Amino acid sequence: MKLLEVTRLSSKGQVVLPQAIRDKLHLIKGEKFLILGEKDTIIMKRIEMPSLIKAKKLLQLSQAYA
């Protein structure tokens, strides 16, 4: 189920993500996002660090080409 919430821009340019959205997406303090803005649309995409398993696989792959 998709959630639809309303928020506003503060005088400092900050936007509060409503609690229901933070809970549903399991967002925590310090999360980082990519922001794309065009015309009247803003898209936020969470930047996720690769898991330890994925990081090990990437390291092994890079060593194979070294």
N, C-alpha and C. Protein backbone atom coordinates (compact mmCIF):
# COMPACT_ATOMS: atom_id res chain seq x y z
N MET A 1 0.83 -1.18 0.00
CA MET A 1 0.00 0.00 0.00
C MET A 1 0.88 1.25 0.00
N LYS A 2 0.62 2.16 -0.89
CA LYS A 2 1.36 3.42 -0.96
C LYS A 2 0.75 4.42 0.01
N LEU A 3 1.63 5.19 0.64
CA LEU A 3 1.16 6.22 1.56
C LEU A 3 1.23 7.58 0.89
N LEU A 4 0.27 8.41 1.17
CA LEU A 4 0.25 9.78 0.68
C LEU A 4 0.18 10.69 1.90
N GLU A 5 1.16 11.55 2.06
CA GLU A 5 1.23 12.44 3.20
C GLU A 5 1.50 13.86 2.71
N VAL A 6 1.23 14.84 3.55
CA VAL A 6 1.48 16.24 3.22
C VAL A 6 2.53 16.77 4.19
N THR A 7 3.46 17.56 3.69
CA THR A 7 4.47 18.20 4.51
C THR A 7 4.72 19.59 3.96
N ARG A 8 5.60 20.34 4.58
CA ARG A 8 5.89 21.69 4.08
C ARG A 8 7.36 21.99 4.18
N LEU A 9 7.79 23.00 3.45
CA LEU A 9 9.17 23.46 3.43
C LEU A 9 9.35 24.52 4.50
N SER A 10 10.38 24.38 5.34
CA SER A 10 10.64 25.37 6.38
C SER A 10 11.40 26.56 5.80
N SER A 11 11.54 27.59 6.61
CA SER A 11 12.29 28.78 6.18
C SER A 11 13.77 28.46 5.94
N LYS A 12 14.24 27.35 6.50
CA LYS A 12 15.63 26.92 6.31
C LYS A 12 15.77 25.93 5.15
N GLY A 13 14.68 25.68 4.43
CA GLY A 13 14.73 24.75 3.30
C GLY A 13 14.61 23.29 3.70
N GLN A 14 14.19 23.03 4.92
CA GLN A 14 14.06 21.66 5.40
C GLN A 14 12.65 21.13 5.16
N VAL A 15 12.58 19.84 4.87
CA VAL A 15 11.31 19.16 4.70
C VAL A 15 11.26 18.00 5.69
N VAL A 16 10.18 17.91 6.46
CA VAL A 16 10.02 16.81 7.40
C VAL A 16 9.32 15.66 6.68
N LEU A 17 9.92 14.48 6.75
CA LEU A 17 9.26 13.29 6.22
C LEU A 17 8.31 12.79 7.31
N PRO A 18 7.03 12.67 6.99
CA PRO A 18 6.05 12.24 7.99
C PRO A 18 6.43 10.89 8.61
N GLN A 19 6.08 10.73 9.89
CA GLN A 19 6.43 9.52 10.64
C GLN A 19 5.97 8.25 9.95
N ALA A 20 4.77 8.26 9.37
CA ALA A 20 4.25 7.05 8.70
C ALA A 20 5.15 6.62 7.55
N ILE A 21 5.69 7.60 6.81
CA ILE A 21 6.60 7.30 5.70
C ILE A 21 7.93 6.76 6.25
N ARG A 22 8.46 7.43 7.28
CA ARG A 22 9.73 6.97 7.87
C ARG A 22 9.60 5.55 8.41
N ASP A 23 8.48 5.26 9.05
CA ASP A 23 8.26 3.92 9.59
C ASP A 23 8.16 2.88 8.47
N LYS A 24 7.38 3.18 7.46
CA LYS A 24 7.17 2.22 6.37
C LYS A 24 8.48 1.90 5.64
N LEU A 25 9.33 2.92 5.46
CA LEU A 25 10.58 2.73 4.72
C LEU A 25 11.77 2.41 5.64
N HIS A 26 11.50 2.30 6.93
CA HIS A 26 12.54 2.00 7.92
C HIS A 26 13.69 2.99 7.84
N LEU A 27 13.35 4.28 7.76
CA LEU A 27 14.37 5.33 7.67
C LEU A 27 14.85 5.68 9.07
N ILE A 28 16.15 5.94 9.16
CA ILE A 28 16.73 6.31 10.44
C ILE A 28 17.50 7.61 10.30
N LYS A 29 17.78 8.22 11.43
CA LYS A 29 18.53 9.47 11.46
C LYS A 29 19.86 9.30 10.71
N GLY A 30 20.19 10.27 9.89
CA GLY A 30 21.45 10.24 9.16
C GLY A 30 21.38 9.61 7.78
N GLU A 31 20.22 9.07 7.40
CA GLU A 31 20.08 8.49 6.06
C GLU A 31 20.46 9.54 5.02
N LYS A 32 21.02 9.10 3.91
CA LYS A 32 21.37 10.02 2.83
C LYS A 32 20.48 9.73 1.63
N PHE A 33 20.20 10.80 0.86
CA PHE A 33 19.30 10.71 -0.28
C PHE A 33 19.90 11.43 -1.48
N LEU A 34 19.60 10.93 -2.66
CA LEU A 34 19.82 11.67 -3.90
C LEU A 34 18.53 12.43 -4.15
N ILE A 35 18.65 13.66 -4.62
CA ILE A 35 17.47 14.48 -4.89
C ILE A 35 17.47 14.86 -6.37
N LEU A 36 16.36 14.63 -7.04
CA LEU A 36 16.19 15.01 -8.43
C LEU A 36 15.02 15.99 -8.49
N GLY A 37 15.23 17.14 -9.05
CA GLY A 37 14.16 18.11 -9.18
C GLY A 37 14.03 18.60 -10.61
N GLU A 38 12.80 18.59 -11.12
CA GLU A 38 12.54 19.08 -12.46
C GLU A 38 11.11 19.60 -12.52
N LYS A 39 10.97 20.83 -12.99
CA LYS A 39 9.67 21.51 -13.05
C LYS A 39 9.01 21.46 -11.67
N ASP A 40 7.84 20.83 -11.54
CA ASP A 40 7.15 20.80 -10.25
C ASP A 40 7.28 19.45 -9.53
N THR A 41 8.30 18.67 -9.88
CA THR A 41 8.47 17.34 -9.31
C THR A 41 9.81 17.21 -8.59
N ILE A 42 9.77 16.64 -7.40
CA ILE A 42 10.97 16.34 -6.63
C ILE A 42 10.95 14.85 -6.30
N ILE A 43 12.04 14.17 -6.58
CA ILE A 43 12.15 12.75 -6.27
C ILE A 43 13.32 12.56 -5.33
N MET A 44 13.08 11.83 -4.24
CA MET A 44 14.14 11.48 -3.29
C MET A 44 14.39 9.98 -3.39
N LYS A 45 15.66 9.61 -3.50
CA LYS A 45 16.04 8.19 -3.55
C LYS A 45 17.06 7.94 -2.46
N ARG A 46 16.75 7.02 -1.57
CA ARG A 46 17.69 6.69 -0.49
C ARG A 46 18.95 6.08 -1.09
N ILE A 47 20.09 6.51 -0.58
CA ILE A 47 21.38 5.94 -0.98
C ILE A 47 21.66 4.81 0.00
N GLU A 48 21.75 3.61 -0.51
CA GLU A 48 21.99 2.46 0.34
C GLU A 48 23.42 1.96 0.17
N MET A 49 24.06 1.69 1.29
CA MET A 49 25.39 1.11 1.24
C MET A 49 25.24 -0.37 0.90
N PRO A 50 26.16 -0.93 0.13
CA PRO A 50 26.06 -2.36 -0.18
C PRO A 50 26.24 -3.19 1.10
N SER A 51 25.58 -4.32 1.15
CA SER A 51 25.73 -5.20 2.30
C SER A 51 27.16 -5.74 2.32
N LEU A 52 27.56 -6.30 3.43
CA LEU A 52 28.90 -6.84 3.57
C LEU A 52 29.16 -7.93 2.53
N ILE A 53 28.16 -8.76 2.29
CA ILE A 53 28.30 -9.84 1.30
C ILE A 53 28.50 -9.25 -0.09
N LYS A 54 27.70 -8.25 -0.46
CA LYS A 54 27.85 -7.62 -1.77
C LYS A 54 29.21 -6.92 -1.87
N ALA A 55 29.65 -6.29 -0.79
CA ALA A 55 30.93 -5.60 -0.80
C ALA A 55 32.07 -6.58 -1.01
N LYS A 56 32.00 -7.74 -0.37
CA LYS A 56 33.04 -8.77 -0.54
C LYS A 56 33.07 -9.26 -1.99
N LYS A 57 31.87 -9.46 -2.57
CA LYS A 57 31.80 -9.92 -3.96
C LYS A 57 32.40 -8.88 -4.90
N LEU A 58 32.09 -7.59 -4.65
CA LEU A 58 32.66 -6.53 -5.48
C LEU A 58 34.17 -6.49 -5.35
N LEU A 59 34.68 -6.68 -4.14
CA LEU A 59 36.13 -6.70 -3.92
C LEU A 59 36.77 -7.87 -4.66
N GLN A 60 36.16 -9.04 -4.58
CA GLN A 60 36.68 -10.21 -5.29
C GLN A 60 36.66 -9.98 -6.79
N LEU A 61 35.61 -9.39 -7.29
CA LEU A 61 35.50 -9.10 -8.72
C LEU A 61 36.59 -8.13 -9.16
N SER A 62 36.82 -7.09 -8.35
CA SER A 62 37.84 -6.11 -8.73
C SER A 62 39.23 -6.72 -8.69
N GLN A 63 39.47 -7.65 -7.77
CA GLN A 63 40.79 -8.29 -7.67
C GLN A 63 41.01 -9.24 -8.85
N ALA A 64 39.93 -9.79 -9.39
CA ALA A 64 40.04 -10.69 -10.53
C ALA A 64 40.53 -9.93 -11.76
N TYR A 65 40.24 -8.64 -11.85
CA TYR A 65 40.65 -7.83 -13.00
C TYR A 65 41.98 -7.12 -12.77
N ALA A 66 42.55 -7.27 -11.58
CA ALA A 66 43.81 -6.57 -11.26
C ALA A 66 45.01 -7.31 -11.81
